[in-house]
């Protein structure tokens, strides 16, 4: 959150559509256009995929009003498909052991449109 204040104005000024991040041991996707804690406000969508270390963290990152998707304690990875110069498709895929019947399933997906 502290870093947000350092870079949020730059992301808005340069019309960034998508911010990809990791580290935190969960999956989180914000609403579209997040800027100054408001959705549809001219900012980017933020996606944090840190769930490769899902079981290592017991600290909770509580979803905020601007959170569209939040998945905790589940291993997974992101897959990006660029459709064309204007559209990008992001999917969060559950990873798991051979006996995990949900492994490989899409747990969240979003289309990002270049419109800023």
PDB file of N, CA and C in Angstrom:
ATOM      1  N   UNK A   1       0.830  -1.185   0.000  1.00  0.00           N
ATOM      2  CA  UNK A   1       0.000   0.000   0.000  1.00  0.00           C
ATOM      3  C   UNK A   1       0.872   1.245   0.000  1.00  0.00           C
ATOM      4  N   UNK A   2       1.954   1.257   0.767  1.00  0.00           N
ATOM      5  CA  UNK A   2       2.825   2.422   0.806  1.00  0.00           C
ATOM      6  C   UNK A   2       3.434   2.735  -0.547  1.00  0.00           C
ATOM      7  N   UNK A   3       3.759   1.705  -1.309  1.00  0.00           N
ATOM      8  CA  UNK A   3       4.341   1.895  -2.626  1.00  0.00           C
ATOM      9  C   UNK A   3       3.321   2.510  -3.595  1.00  0.00           C
ATOM     10  N   UNK A   4       2.054   2.274  -3.328  1.00  0.00           N
ATOM     11  CA  UNK A   4       1.007   2.804  -4.201  1.00  0.00           C
ATOM     12  C   UNK A   4       1.133   4.308  -4.382  1.00  0.00           C
ATOM     13  N   UNK A   5       1.373   4.996  -3.287  1.00  0.00           N
ATOM     14  CA  UNK A   5       1.471   6.457  -3.346  1.00  0.00           C
ATOM     15  C   UNK A   5       2.667   6.916  -4.162  1.00  0.00           C
ATOM     16  N   UNK A   6       3.700   6.082  -4.223  1.00  0.00           N
ATOM     17  CA  UNK A   6       4.909   6.430  -4.967  1.00  0.00           C
ATOM     18  C   UNK A   6       4.709   6.323  -6.476  1.00  0.00           C
ATOM     19  N   UNK A   7       3.920   5.352  -6.916  1.00  0.00           N
ATOM     20  CA  UNK A   7       3.828   5.115  -8.360  1.00  0.00           C
ATOM     21  C   UNK A   7       2.443   5.348  -8.962  1.00  0.00           C
ATOM     22  N   UNK A   8       1.425   5.508  -8.148  1.00  0.00           N
ATOM     23  CA  UNK A   8       0.060   5.611  -8.677  1.00  0.00           C
ATOM     24  C   UNK A   8      -0.104   6.759  -9.680  1.00  0.00           C
ATOM     25  N   UNK A   9       0.468   7.914  -9.389  1.00  0.00           N
ATOM     26  CA  UNK A   9       0.341   9.051 -10.303  1.00  0.00           C
ATOM     27  C   UNK A   9       1.020   8.770 -11.644  1.00  0.00           C
ATOM     28  N   UNK A  10       2.160   8.077 -11.607  1.00  0.00           N
ATOM     29  CA  UNK A  10       2.849   7.727 -12.855  1.00  0.00           C
ATOM     30  C   UNK A  10       2.021   6.760 -13.689  1.00  0.00           C
ATOM     31  N   UNK A  11       1.431   5.758 -13.040  1.00  0.00           N
ATOM     32  CA  UNK A  11       0.594   4.794 -13.755  1.00  0.00           C
ATOM     33  C   UNK A  11      -0.584   5.499 -14.415  1.00  0.00           C
ATOM     34  N   UNK A  12      -1.163   6.436 -13.707  1.00  0.00           N
ATOM     35  CA  UNK A  12      -2.306   7.188 -14.235  1.00  0.00           C
ATOM     36  C   UNK A  12      -1.870   8.122 -15.370  1.00  0.00           C
ATOM     37  N   UNK A  13      -0.788   8.838 -15.151  1.00  0.00           N
ATOM     38  CA  UNK A  13      -0.295   9.796 -16.150  1.00  0.00           C
ATOM     39  C   UNK A  13       0.046   9.121 -17.473  1.00  0.00           C
ATOM     40  N   UNK A  14       0.684   7.939 -17.395  1.00  0.00           N
ATOM     41  CA  UNK A  14       1.112   7.242 -18.604  1.00  0.00           C
ATOM     42  C   UNK A  14       0.088   6.218 -19.092  1.00  0.00           C
ATOM     43  N   UNK A  15      -1.111   6.258 -18.537  1.00  0.00           N
ATOM     44  CA  UNK A  15      -2.250   5.454 -18.989  1.00  0.00           C
ATOM     45  C   UNK A  15      -1.942   3.960 -19.021  1.00  0.00           C
ATOM     46  N   UNK A  16      -1.347   3.471 -17.960  1.00  0.00           N
ATOM     47  CA  UNK A  16      -1.034   2.053 -17.830  1.00  0.00           C
ATOM     48  C   UNK A  16      -2.343   1.283 -17.655  1.00  0.00           C
ATOM     49  N   UNK A  17      -2.506   0.202 -18.410  1.00  0.00           N
ATOM     50  CA  UNK A  17      -3.733  -0.592 -18.359  1.00  0.00           C
ATOM     51  C   UNK A  17      -3.666  -1.739 -17.360  1.00  0.00           C
ATOM     52  N   UNK A  18      -2.474  -2.296 -17.157  1.00  0.00           N
ATOM     53  CA  UNK A  18      -2.341  -3.500 -16.335  1.00  0.00           C
ATOM     54  C   UNK A  18      -1.042  -3.462 -15.546  1.00  0.00           C
ATOM     55  N   UNK A  19      -1.131  -3.788 -14.264  1.00  0.00           N
ATOM     56  CA  UNK A  19       0.040  -3.934 -13.403  1.00  0.00           C
ATOM     57  C   UNK A  19       0.072  -5.380 -12.932  1.00  0.00           C
ATOM     58  N   UNK A  20       1.161  -6.085 -13.217  1.00  0.00           N
ATOM     59  CA  UNK A  20       1.345  -7.463 -12.764  1.00  0.00           C
ATOM     60  C   UNK A  20       2.380  -7.470 -11.650  1.00  0.00           C
ATOM     61  N   UNK A  21       2.070  -8.165 -10.576  1.00  0.00           N
ATOM     62  CA  UNK A  21       2.974  -8.220  -9.427  1.00  0.00           C
ATOM     63  C   UNK A  21       2.933  -9.618  -8.820  1.00  0.00           C
ATOM     64  N   UNK A  22       3.815  -9.843  -7.893  1.00  0.00           N
ATOM     65  CA  UNK A  22       3.862 -11.125  -7.204  1.00  0.00           C
ATOM     66  C   UNK A  22       4.232 -10.928  -5.758  1.00  0.00           C
ATOM     67  N   UNK A  23       4.833 -11.912  -5.187  1.00  0.00           N
ATOM     68  CA  UNK A  23       5.366 -11.961  -3.837  1.00  0.00           C
ATOM     69  C   UNK A  23       4.329 -12.335  -2.783  1.00  0.00           C
ATOM     70  N   UNK A  24       3.255 -11.592  -2.631  1.00  0.00           N
ATOM     71  CA  UNK A  24       2.294 -11.948  -1.589  1.00  0.00           C
ATOM     72  C   UNK A  24       1.712 -13.320  -1.905  1.00  0.00           C
ATOM     73  N   UNK A  25       1.547 -14.158  -0.915  1.00  0.00           N
ATOM     74  CA  UNK A  25       1.205 -15.560  -1.124  1.00  0.00           C
ATOM     75  C   UNK A  25      -0.289 -15.788  -1.313  1.00  0.00           C
ATOM     76  N   UNK A  26      -0.840 -15.108  -2.287  1.00  0.00           N
ATOM     77  CA  UNK A  26      -2.243 -15.283  -2.655  1.00  0.00           C
ATOM     78  C   UNK A  26      -2.423 -14.724  -4.063  1.00  0.00           C
ATOM     79  N   UNK A  27      -3.660 -14.788  -4.546  1.00  0.00           N
ATOM     80  CA  UNK A  27      -4.009 -14.197  -5.837  1.00  0.00           C
ATOM     81  C   UNK A  27      -5.009 -13.085  -5.580  1.00  0.00           C
ATOM     82  N   UNK A  28      -4.768 -11.938  -6.183  1.00  0.00           N
ATOM     83  CA  UNK A  28      -5.676 -10.813  -6.005  1.00  0.00           C
ATOM     84  C   UNK A  28      -5.775 -10.038  -7.312  1.00  0.00           C
ATOM     85  N   UNK A  29      -7.015  -9.685  -7.695  1.00  0.00           N
ATOM     86  CA  UNK A  29      -7.238  -8.840  -8.865  1.00  0.00           C
ATOM     87  C   UNK A  29      -8.147  -7.693  -8.463  1.00  0.00           C
ATOM     88  N   UNK A  30      -7.731  -6.488  -8.812  1.00  0.00           N
ATOM     89  CA  UNK A  30      -8.546  -5.315  -8.491  1.00  0.00           C
ATOM     90  C   UNK A  30      -9.595  -5.093  -9.575  1.00  0.00           C
ATOM     91  N   UNK A  31     -10.473  -4.184  -9.289  1.00  0.00           N
ATOM     92  CA  UNK A  31     -11.446  -3.745 -10.284  1.00  0.00           C
ATOM     93  C   UNK A  31     -10.716  -3.018 -11.410  1.00  0.00           C
ATOM     94  N   UNK A  32     -11.386  -2.829 -12.516  1.00  0.00           N
ATOM     95  CA  UNK A  32     -10.818  -2.094 -13.641  1.00  0.00           C
ATOM     96  C   UNK A  32     -10.755  -0.606 -13.317  1.00  0.00           C
ATOM     97  N   UNK A  33      -9.682   0.025 -13.750  1.00  0.00           N
ATOM     98  CA  UNK A  33      -9.573   1.476 -13.619  1.00  0.00           C
ATOM     99  C   UNK A  33      -9.278   1.978 -12.230  1.00  0.00           C
ATOM    100  N   UNK A  34      -8.650   1.159 -11.377  1.00  0.00           N
ATOM    101  CA  UNK A  34      -8.398   1.554  -9.989  1.00  0.00           C
ATOM    102  C   UNK A  34      -7.436   2.742  -9.919  1.00  0.00           C
ATOM    103  N   UNK A  35      -7.931   3.823  -9.325  1.00  0.00           N
ATOM    104  CA  UNK A  35      -7.119   5.025  -9.124  1.00  0.00           C
ATOM    105  C   UNK A  35      -7.690   5.758  -7.922  1.00  0.00           C
ATOM    106  N   UNK A  36      -6.826   6.067  -6.970  1.00  0.00           N
ATOM    107  CA  UNK A  36      -7.222   6.726  -5.719  1.00  0.00           C
ATOM    108  C   UNK A  36      -8.320   5.935  -5.001  1.00  0.00           C
ATOM    109  N   UNK A  37      -8.149   4.610  -4.980  1.00  0.00           N
ATOM    110  CA  UNK A  37      -9.052   3.660  -4.302  1.00  0.00           C
ATOM    111  C   UNK A  37     -10.469   3.642  -4.870  1.00  0.00           C
ATOM    112  N   UNK A  38     -10.632   4.082  -6.109  1.00  0.00           N
ATOM    113  CA  UNK A  38     -11.949   4.065  -6.753  1.00  0.00           C
ATOM    114  C   UNK A  38     -11.865   3.304  -8.072  1.00  0.00           C
ATOM    115  N   UNK A  39     -12.896   2.520  -8.359  1.00  0.00           N
ATOM    116  CA  UNK A  39     -12.976   1.770  -9.608  1.00  0.00           C
ATOM    117  C   UNK A  39     -13.449   2.668 -10.742  1.00  0.00           C
ATOM    118  N   UNK A  40     -13.152   2.237 -11.969  1.00  0.00           N
ATOM    119  CA  UNK A  40     -13.562   2.982 -13.169  1.00  0.00           C
ATOM    120  C   UNK A  40     -13.142   4.447 -13.075  1.00  0.00           C
ATOM    121  N   UNK A  41     -11.912   4.658 -12.596  1.00  0.00           N
ATOM    122  CA  UNK A  41     -11.438   6.010 -12.323  1.00  0.00           C
ATOM    123  C   UNK A  41     -10.201   6.361 -13.156  1.00  0.00           C
ATOM    124  N   UNK A  42      -9.970   5.620 -14.248  1.00  0.00           N
ATOM    125  CA  UNK A  42      -8.876   5.958 -15.146  1.00  0.00           C
ATOM    126  C   UNK A  42      -7.541   5.321 -14.836  1.00  0.00           C
ATOM    127  N   UNK A  43      -7.486   4.410 -13.882  1.00  0.00           N
ATOM    128  CA  UNK A  43      -6.236   3.733 -13.543  1.00  0.00           C
ATOM    129  C   UNK A  43      -6.202   2.323 -14.095  1.00  0.00           C
ATOM    130  N   UNK A  44      -5.155   1.572 -13.789  1.00  0.00           N
ATOM    131  CA  UNK A  44      -5.012   0.218 -14.306  1.00  0.00           C
ATOM    132  C   UNK A  44      -5.728  -0.829 -13.450  1.00  0.00           C
ATOM    133  N   UNK A  45      -5.839  -2.024 -14.005  1.00  0.00           N
ATOM    134  CA  UNK A  45      -6.203  -3.209 -13.238  1.00  0.00           C
ATOM    135  C   UNK A  45      -4.901  -3.751 -12.657  1.00  0.00           C
ATOM    136  N   UNK A  46      -4.909  -4.131 -11.391  1.00  0.00           N
ATOM    137  CA  UNK A  46      -3.737  -4.712 -10.735  1.00  0.00           C
ATOM    138  C   UNK A  46      -4.002  -6.192 -10.501  1.00  0.00           C
ATOM    139  N   UNK A  47      -3.031  -7.030 -10.872  1.00  0.00           N
ATOM    140  CA  UNK A  47      -3.136  -8.466 -10.626  1.00  0.00           C
ATOM    141  C   UNK A  47      -1.879  -8.898  -9.890  1.00  0.00           C
ATOM    142  N   UNK A  48      -2.072  -9.519  -8.741  1.00  0.00           N
ATOM    143  CA  UNK A  48      -0.966 -10.055  -7.945  1.00  0.00           C
ATOM    144  C   UNK A  48      -1.080 -11.571  -7.944  1.00  0.00           C
ATOM    145  N   UNK A  49      -0.089 -12.238  -8.526  1.00  0.00           N
ATOM    146  CA  UNK A  49      -0.053 -13.696  -8.524  1.00  0.00           C
ATOM    147  C   UNK A  49       1.166 -14.099  -7.714  1.00  0.00           C
ATOM    148  N   UNK A  50       0.942 -14.406  -6.460  1.00  0.00           N
ATOM    149  CA  UNK A  50       2.024 -14.831  -5.588  1.00  0.00           C
ATOM    150  C   UNK A  50       1.739 -16.187  -4.994  1.00  0.00           C
ATOM    151  N   UNK A  51       0.835 -16.905  -5.604  1.00  0.00           N
ATOM    152  CA  UNK A  51       0.321 -18.127  -4.995  1.00  0.00           C
ATOM    153  C   UNK A  51       1.204 -19.348  -5.195  1.00  0.00           C
ATOM    154  N   UNK A  52       2.358 -19.194  -5.801  1.00  0.00           N
ATOM    155  CA  UNK A  52       3.274 -20.328  -5.861  1.00  0.00           C
ATOM    156  C   UNK A  52       3.762 -20.678  -4.460  1.00  0.00           C
ATOM    157  N   UNK A  53       3.737 -19.712  -3.555  1.00  0.00           N
ATOM    158  CA  UNK A  53       4.108 -19.946  -2.165  1.00  0.00           C
ATOM    159  C   UNK A  53       2.906 -19.902  -1.249  1.00  0.00           C
ATOM    160  N   UNK A  54       1.771 -20.364  -1.730  1.00  0.00           N
ATOM    161  CA  UNK A  54       0.498 -20.209  -1.023  1.00  0.00           C
ATOM    162  C   UNK A  54       0.533 -20.678   0.425  1.00  0.00           C
ATOM    163  N   UNK A  55       1.202 -21.776   0.697  1.00  0.00           N
ATOM    164  CA  UNK A  55       1.150 -22.327   2.053  1.00  0.00           C
ATOM    165  C   UNK A  55       2.164 -21.705   3.003  1.00  0.00           C
ATOM    166  N   UNK A  56       2.977 -20.795   2.543  1.00  0.00           N
ATOM    167  CA  UNK A  56       4.033 -20.248   3.386  1.00  0.00           C
ATOM    168  C   UNK A  56       3.611 -19.056   4.222  1.00  0.00           C
ATOM    169  N   UNK A  57       2.436 -18.543   4.021  1.00  0.00           N
ATOM    170  CA  UNK A  57       2.052 -17.294   4.660  1.00  0.00           C
ATOM    171  C   UNK A  57       0.745 -17.449   5.413  1.00  0.00           C
ATOM    172  N   UNK A  58       0.748 -17.091   6.678  1.00  0.00           N
ATOM    173  CA  UNK A  58      -0.487 -17.159   7.462  1.00  0.00           C
ATOM    174  C   UNK A  58      -1.109 -15.781   7.654  1.00  0.00           C
ATOM    175  N   UNK A  59      -0.439 -14.738   7.164  1.00  0.00           N
ATOM    176  CA  UNK A  59      -0.962 -13.380   7.279  1.00  0.00           C
ATOM    177  C   UNK A  59      -2.079 -13.178   6.270  1.00  0.00           C
ATOM    178  N   UNK A  60      -3.157 -12.582   6.690  1.00  0.00           N
ATOM    179  CA  UNK A  60      -4.293 -12.365   5.792  1.00  0.00           C
ATOM    180  C   UNK A  60      -4.216 -10.995   5.132  1.00  0.00           C
ATOM    181  N   UNK A  61      -4.435 -10.968   3.836  1.00  0.00           N
ATOM    182  CA  UNK A  61      -4.612  -9.715   3.112  1.00  0.00           C
ATOM    183  C   UNK A  61      -6.101  -9.629   2.833  1.00  0.00           C
ATOM    184  N   UNK A  62      -6.779  -8.844   3.603  1.00  0.00           N
ATOM    185  CA  UNK A  62      -8.230  -8.797   3.501  1.00  0.00           C
ATOM    186  C   UNK A  62      -8.643  -8.061   2.244  1.00  0.00           C
ATOM    187  N   UNK A  63      -9.536  -8.623   1.461  1.00  0.00           N
ATOM    188  CA  UNK A  63     -10.000  -7.941   0.253  1.00  0.00           C
ATOM    189  C   UNK A  63     -10.642  -6.592   0.586  1.00  0.00           C
ATOM    190  N   UNK A  64     -10.374  -5.628  -0.241  1.00  0.00           N
ATOM    191  CA  UNK A  64     -10.931  -4.291  -0.092  1.00  0.00           C
ATOM    192  C   UNK A  64     -12.142  -4.145  -1.012  1.00  0.00           C
ATOM    193  N   UNK A  65     -12.838  -3.029  -0.931  1.00  0.00           N
ATOM    194  CA  UNK A  65     -14.015  -2.805  -1.777  1.00  0.00           C
ATOM    195  C   UNK A  65     -13.649  -2.794  -3.258  1.00  0.00           C
ATOM    196  N   UNK A  66     -12.394  -2.527  -3.571  1.00  0.00           N
ATOM    197  CA  UNK A  66     -11.942  -2.480  -4.950  1.00  0.00           C
ATOM    198  C   UNK A  66     -11.385  -3.811  -5.441  1.00  0.00           C
ATOM    199  N   UNK A  67     -11.543  -4.869  -4.666  1.00  0.00           N
ATOM    200  CA  UNK A  67     -11.057  -6.194  -5.038  1.00  0.00           C
ATOM    201  C   UNK A  67     -12.141  -6.947  -5.800  1.00  0.00           C
ATOM    202  N   UNK A  68     -11.836  -7.374  -7.018  1.00  0.00           N
ATOM    203  CA  UNK A  68     -12.785  -8.170  -7.798  1.00  0.00           C
ATOM    204  C   UNK A  68     -12.570  -9.665  -7.616  1.00  0.00           C
ATOM    205  N   UNK A  69     -11.346 -10.088  -7.301  1.00  0.00           N
ATOM    206  CA  UNK A  69     -11.069 -11.512  -7.094  1.00  0.00           C
ATOM    207  C   UNK A  69      -9.986 -11.657  -6.035  1.00  0.00           C
ATOM    208  N   UNK A  70     -10.167 -12.632  -5.146  1.00  0.00           N
ATOM    209  CA  UNK A  70      -9.188 -12.903  -4.093  1.00  0.00           C
ATOM    210  C   UNK A  70      -9.204 -14.398  -3.813  1.00  0.00           C
ATOM    211  N   UNK A  71      -8.057 -15.053  -3.966  1.00  0.00           N
ATOM    212  CA  UNK A  71      -7.942 -16.493  -3.724  1.00  0.00           C
ATOM    213  C   UNK A  71      -6.737 -16.710  -2.831  1.00  0.00           C
ATOM    214  N   UNK A  72      -6.956 -17.345  -1.688  1.00  0.00           N
ATOM    215  CA  UNK A  72      -5.890 -17.574  -0.706  1.00  0.00           C
ATOM    216  C   UNK A  72      -5.733 -19.071  -0.469  1.00  0.00           C
ATOM    217  N   UNK A  73      -4.543 -19.472  -0.095  1.00  0.00           N
ATOM    218  CA  UNK A  73      -4.224 -20.866   0.230  1.00  0.00           C
ATOM    219  C   UNK A  73      -4.510 -21.818  -0.921  1.00  0.00           C
ATOM    220  N   UNK A  74      -4.189 -21.373  -2.105  1.00  0.00           N
ATOM    221  CA  UNK A  74      -4.378 -22.199  -3.291  1.00  0.00           C
ATOM    222  C   UNK A  74      -3.205 -21.959  -4.231  1.00  0.00           C
ATOM    223  N   UNK A  75      -2.529 -23.021  -4.607  1.00  0.00           N
ATOM    224  CA  UNK A  75      -1.410 -22.904  -5.523  1.00  0.00           C
ATOM    225  C   UNK A  75      -1.935 -22.580  -6.919  1.00  0.00           C
ATOM    226  N   UNK A  76      -1.202 -21.744  -7.660  1.00  0.00           N
ATOM    227  CA  UNK A  76      -1.649 -21.425  -9.005  1.00  0.00           C
ATOM    228  C   UNK A  76      -0.664 -20.552  -9.756  1.00  0.00           C
ATOM    229  N   UNK A  77      -1.016 -20.266 -10.998  1.00  0.00           N
ATOM    230  CA  UNK A  77      -0.163 -19.448 -11.859  1.00  0.00           C
ATOM    231  C   UNK A  77      -1.042 -18.660 -12.829  1.00  0.00           C
ATOM    232  N   UNK A  78      -0.452 -17.657 -13.453  1.00  0.00           N
ATOM    233  CA  UNK A  78      -1.179 -16.839 -14.414  1.00  0.00           C
ATOM    234  C   UNK A  78      -0.834 -17.216 -15.838  1.00  0.00           C
ATOM    235  N   UNK A  79      -1.826 -17.082 -16.711  1.00  0.00           N
ATOM    236  CA  UNK A  79      -1.618 -17.322 -18.139  1.00  0.00           C
ATOM    237  C   UNK A  79      -2.164 -16.111 -18.900  1.00  0.00           C
ATOM    238  N   UNK A  80      -1.347 -15.550 -19.776  1.00  0.00           N
ATOM    239  CA  UNK A  80      -1.740 -14.381 -20.559  1.00  0.00           C
ATOM    240  C   UNK A  80      -1.820 -14.767 -22.029  1.00  0.00           C
ATOM    241  N   UNK A  81      -2.915 -14.377 -22.657  1.00  0.00           N
ATOM    242  CA  UNK A  81      -3.088 -14.546 -24.093  1.00  0.00           C
ATOM    243  C   UNK A  81      -3.347 -13.168 -24.688  1.00  0.00           C
ATOM    244  N   UNK A  82      -2.492 -12.762 -25.606  1.00  0.00           N
ATOM    245  CA  UNK A  82      -2.680 -11.481 -26.282  1.00  0.00           C
ATOM    246  C   UNK A  82      -3.523 -11.746 -27.522  1.00  0.00           C
ATOM    247  N   UNK A  83      -4.741 -11.201 -27.532  1.00  0.00           N
ATOM    248  CA  UNK A  83      -5.660 -11.435 -28.644  1.00  0.00           C
ATOM    249  C   UNK A  83      -5.314 -10.561 -29.848  1.00  0.00           C
ATOM    250  N   UNK A  84      -5.027  -9.301 -29.591  1.00  0.00           N
ATOM    251  CA  UNK A  84      -4.646  -8.356 -30.644  1.00  0.00           C
ATOM    252  C   UNK A  84      -4.056  -7.119 -29.970  1.00  0.00           C
ATOM    253  N   UNK A  85      -3.899  -6.033 -30.707  1.00  0.00           N
ATOM    254  CA  UNK A  85      -3.276  -4.827 -30.150  1.00  0.00           C
ATOM    255  C   UNK A  85      -4.126  -4.150 -29.083  1.00  0.00           C
ATOM    256  N   UNK A  86      -5.390  -4.522 -28.979  1.00  0.00           N
ATOM    257  CA  UNK A  86      -6.294  -3.870 -28.023  1.00  0.00           C
ATOM    258  C   UNK A  86      -6.747  -4.750 -26.867  1.00  0.00           C
ATOM    259  N   UNK A  87      -6.652  -6.069 -26.999  1.00  0.00           N
ATOM    260  CA  UNK A  87      -7.208  -6.967 -25.984  1.00  0.00           C
ATOM    261  C   UNK A  87      -6.197  -8.001 -25.495  1.00  0.00           C
ATOM    262  N   UNK A  88      -6.188  -8.184 -24.186  1.00  0.00           N
ATOM    263  CA  UNK A  88      -5.348  -9.172 -23.516  1.00  0.00           C
ATOM    264  C   UNK A  88      -6.246  -9.973 -22.580  1.00  0.00           C
ATOM    265  N   UNK A  89      -6.079 -11.289 -22.557  1.00  0.00           N
ATOM    266  CA  UNK A  89      -6.868 -12.148 -21.678  1.00  0.00           C
ATOM    267  C   UNK A  89      -5.943 -12.730 -20.610  1.00  0.00           C
ATOM    268  N   UNK A  90      -6.304 -12.541 -19.343  1.00  0.00           N
ATOM    269  CA  UNK A  90      -5.532 -13.077 -18.225  1.00  0.00           C
ATOM    270  C   UNK A  90      -6.360 -14.146 -17.526  1.00  0.00           C
ATOM    271  N   UNK A  91      -5.717 -15.289 -17.223  1.00  0.00           N
ATOM    272  CA  UNK A  91      -6.379 -16.368 -16.488  1.00  0.00           C
ATOM    273  C   UNK A  91      -5.517 -16.785 -15.298  1.00  0.00           C
ATOM    274  N   UNK A  92      -6.153 -17.018 -14.165  1.00  0.00           N
ATOM    275  CA  UNK A  92      -5.473 -17.610 -13.013  1.00  0.00           C
ATOM    276  C   UNK A  92      -5.850 -19.086 -13.008  1.00  0.00           C
ATOM    277  N   UNK A  93      -4.828 -19.952 -13.081  1.00  0.00           N
ATOM    278  CA  UNK A  93      -5.016 -21.393 -13.190  1.00  0.00           C
ATOM    279  C   UNK A  93      -4.595 -22.060 -11.888  1.00  0.00           C
ATOM    280  N   UNK A  94      -5.441 -22.943 -11.380  1.00  0.00           N
ATOM    281  CA  UNK A  94      -5.099 -23.689 -10.167  1.00  0.00           C
ATOM    282  C   UNK A  94      -4.055 -24.743 -10.506  1.00  0.00           C
ATOM    283  N   UNK A  95      -3.017 -24.803  -9.689  1.00  0.00           N
ATOM    284  CA  UNK A  95      -1.997 -25.837  -9.812  1.00  0.00           C
ATOM    285  C   UNK A  95      -2.211 -26.828  -8.679  1.00  0.00           C
ATOM    286  N   UNK A  96      -1.767 -28.047  -8.856  1.00  0.00           N
ATOM    287  CA  UNK A  96      -1.941 -29.023  -7.792  1.00  0.00           C
ATOM    288  C   UNK A  96      -1.294 -30.348  -8.127  1.00  0.00           C
ATOM    289  N   UNK A  97      -1.416 -31.261  -7.202  1.00  0.00           N
ATOM    290  CA  UNK A  97      -0.859 -32.603  -7.369  1.00  0.00           C
ATOM    291  C   UNK A  97      -1.707 -33.410  -8.355  1.00  0.00           C
ATOM    292  N   UNK A  98      -1.205 -34.569  -8.759  1.00  0.00           N
ATOM    293  CA  UNK A  98      -1.915 -35.420  -9.718  1.00  0.00           C
ATOM    294  C   UNK A  98      -3.318 -35.788  -9.248  1.00  0.00           C
ATOM    295  N   UNK A  99      -3.491 -35.958  -7.947  1.00  0.00           N
ATOM    296  CA  UNK A  99      -4.801 -36.367  -7.421  1.00  0.00           C
ATOM    297  C   UNK A  99      -5.743 -35.188  -7.167  1.00  0.00           C
ATOM    298  N   UNK A 100      -5.316 -33.978  -7.479  1.00  0.00           N
ATOM    299  CA  UNK A 100      -6.154 -32.786  -7.305  1.00  0.00           C
ATOM    300  C   UNK A 100      -7.048 -32.646  -8.534  1.00  0.00           C
ATOM    301  N   UNK A 101      -8.326 -32.932  -8.377  1.00  0.00           N
ATOM    302  CA  UNK A 101      -9.253 -32.896  -9.515  1.00  0.00           C
ATOM    303  C   UNK A 101      -9.499 -31.481 -10.031  1.00  0.00           C
ATOM    304  N   UNK A 102      -9.136 -30.476  -9.257  1.00  0.00           N
ATOM    305  CA  UNK A 102      -9.308 -29.088  -9.695  1.00  0.00           C
ATOM    306  C   UNK A 102      -8.051 -28.494 -10.322  1.00  0.00           C
ATOM    307  N   UNK A 103      -6.957 -29.245 -10.315  1.00  0.00           N
ATOM    308  CA  UNK A 103      -5.713 -28.751 -10.913  1.00  0.00           C
ATOM    309  C   UNK A 103      -5.935 -28.493 -12.400  1.00  0.00           C
ATOM    310  N   UNK A 104      -5.423 -27.376 -12.868  1.00  0.00           N
ATOM    311  CA  UNK A 104      -5.554 -27.021 -14.271  1.00  0.00           C
ATOM    312  C   UNK A 104      -6.811 -26.237 -14.604  1.00  0.00           C
ATOM    313  N   UNK A 105      -7.688 -26.064 -13.636  1.00  0.00           N
ATOM    314  CA  UNK A 105      -8.934 -25.328 -13.882  1.00  0.00           C
ATOM    315  C   UNK A 105      -8.716 -23.824 -13.734  1.00  0.00           C
ATOM    316  N   UNK A 106      -9.417 -23.074 -14.560  1.00  0.00           N
ATOM    317  CA  UNK A 106      -9.366 -21.614 -14.496  1.00  0.00           C
ATOM    318  C   UNK A 106     -10.176 -21.167 -13.287  1.00  0.00           C
ATOM    319  N   UNK A 107      -9.537 -20.445 -12.381  1.00  0.00           N
ATOM    320  CA  UNK A 107     -10.202 -19.967 -11.158  1.00  0.00           C
ATOM    321  C   UNK A 107     -10.660 -18.520 -11.277  1.00  0.00           C
ATOM    322  N   UNK A 108     -10.015 -17.771 -12.162  1.00  0.00           N
ATOM    323  CA  UNK A 108     -10.420 -16.388 -12.407  1.00  0.00           C
ATOM    324  C   UNK A 108      -9.932 -16.013 -13.796  1.00  0.00           C
ATOM    325  N   UNK A 109     -10.682 -15.164 -14.475  1.00  0.00           N
ATOM    326  CA  UNK A 109     -10.195 -14.641 -15.744  1.00  0.00           C
ATOM    327  C   UNK A 109     -10.769 -13.253 -15.971  1.00  0.00           C
ATOM    328  N   UNK A 110     -10.032 -12.485 -16.747  1.00  0.00           N
ATOM    329  CA  UNK A 110     -10.441 -11.109 -17.036  1.00  0.00           C
ATOM    330  C   UNK A 110      -9.856 -10.698 -18.386  1.00  0.00           C
ATOM    331  N   UNK A 111     -10.622  -9.914 -19.117  1.00  0.00           N
ATOM    332  CA  UNK A 111     -10.142  -9.300 -20.350  1.00  0.00           C
ATOM    333  C   UNK A 111      -9.707  -7.876 -20.033  1.00  0.00           C
ATOM    334  N   UNK A 112      -8.535  -7.506 -20.513  1.00  0.00           N
ATOM    335  CA  UNK A 112      -8.027  -6.147 -20.355  1.00  0.00           C
ATOM    336  C   UNK A 112      -8.093  -5.478 -21.728  1.00  0.00           C
ATOM    337  N   UNK A 113      -8.762  -4.341 -21.786  1.00  0.00           N
ATOM    338  CA  UNK A 113      -8.894  -3.615 -23.040  1.00  0.00           C
ATOM    339  C   UNK A 113      -8.042  -2.347 -22.997  1.00  0.00           C
ATOM    340  N   UNK A 114      -7.287  -2.157 -24.037  1.00  0.00           N
ATOM    341  CA  UNK A 114      -6.465  -0.937 -24.155  1.00  0.00           C
ATOM    342  C   UNK A 114      -7.389   0.211 -24.530  1.00  0.00           C
ATOM    343  N   UNK A 115      -7.753   1.025 -23.541  1.00  0.00           N
ATOM    344  CA  UNK A 115      -8.703   2.102 -23.812  1.00  0.00           C
ATOM    345  C   UNK A 115      -8.331   3.417 -23.154  1.00  0.00           C
ATOM    346  N   UNK A 116      -7.140   3.509 -22.627  1.00  0.00           N
ATOM    347  CA  UNK A 116      -6.760   4.737 -21.937  1.00  0.00           C
ATOM    348  C   UNK A 116      -5.858   5.592 -22.803  1.00  0.00           C
TER     349      UNK A 116
END
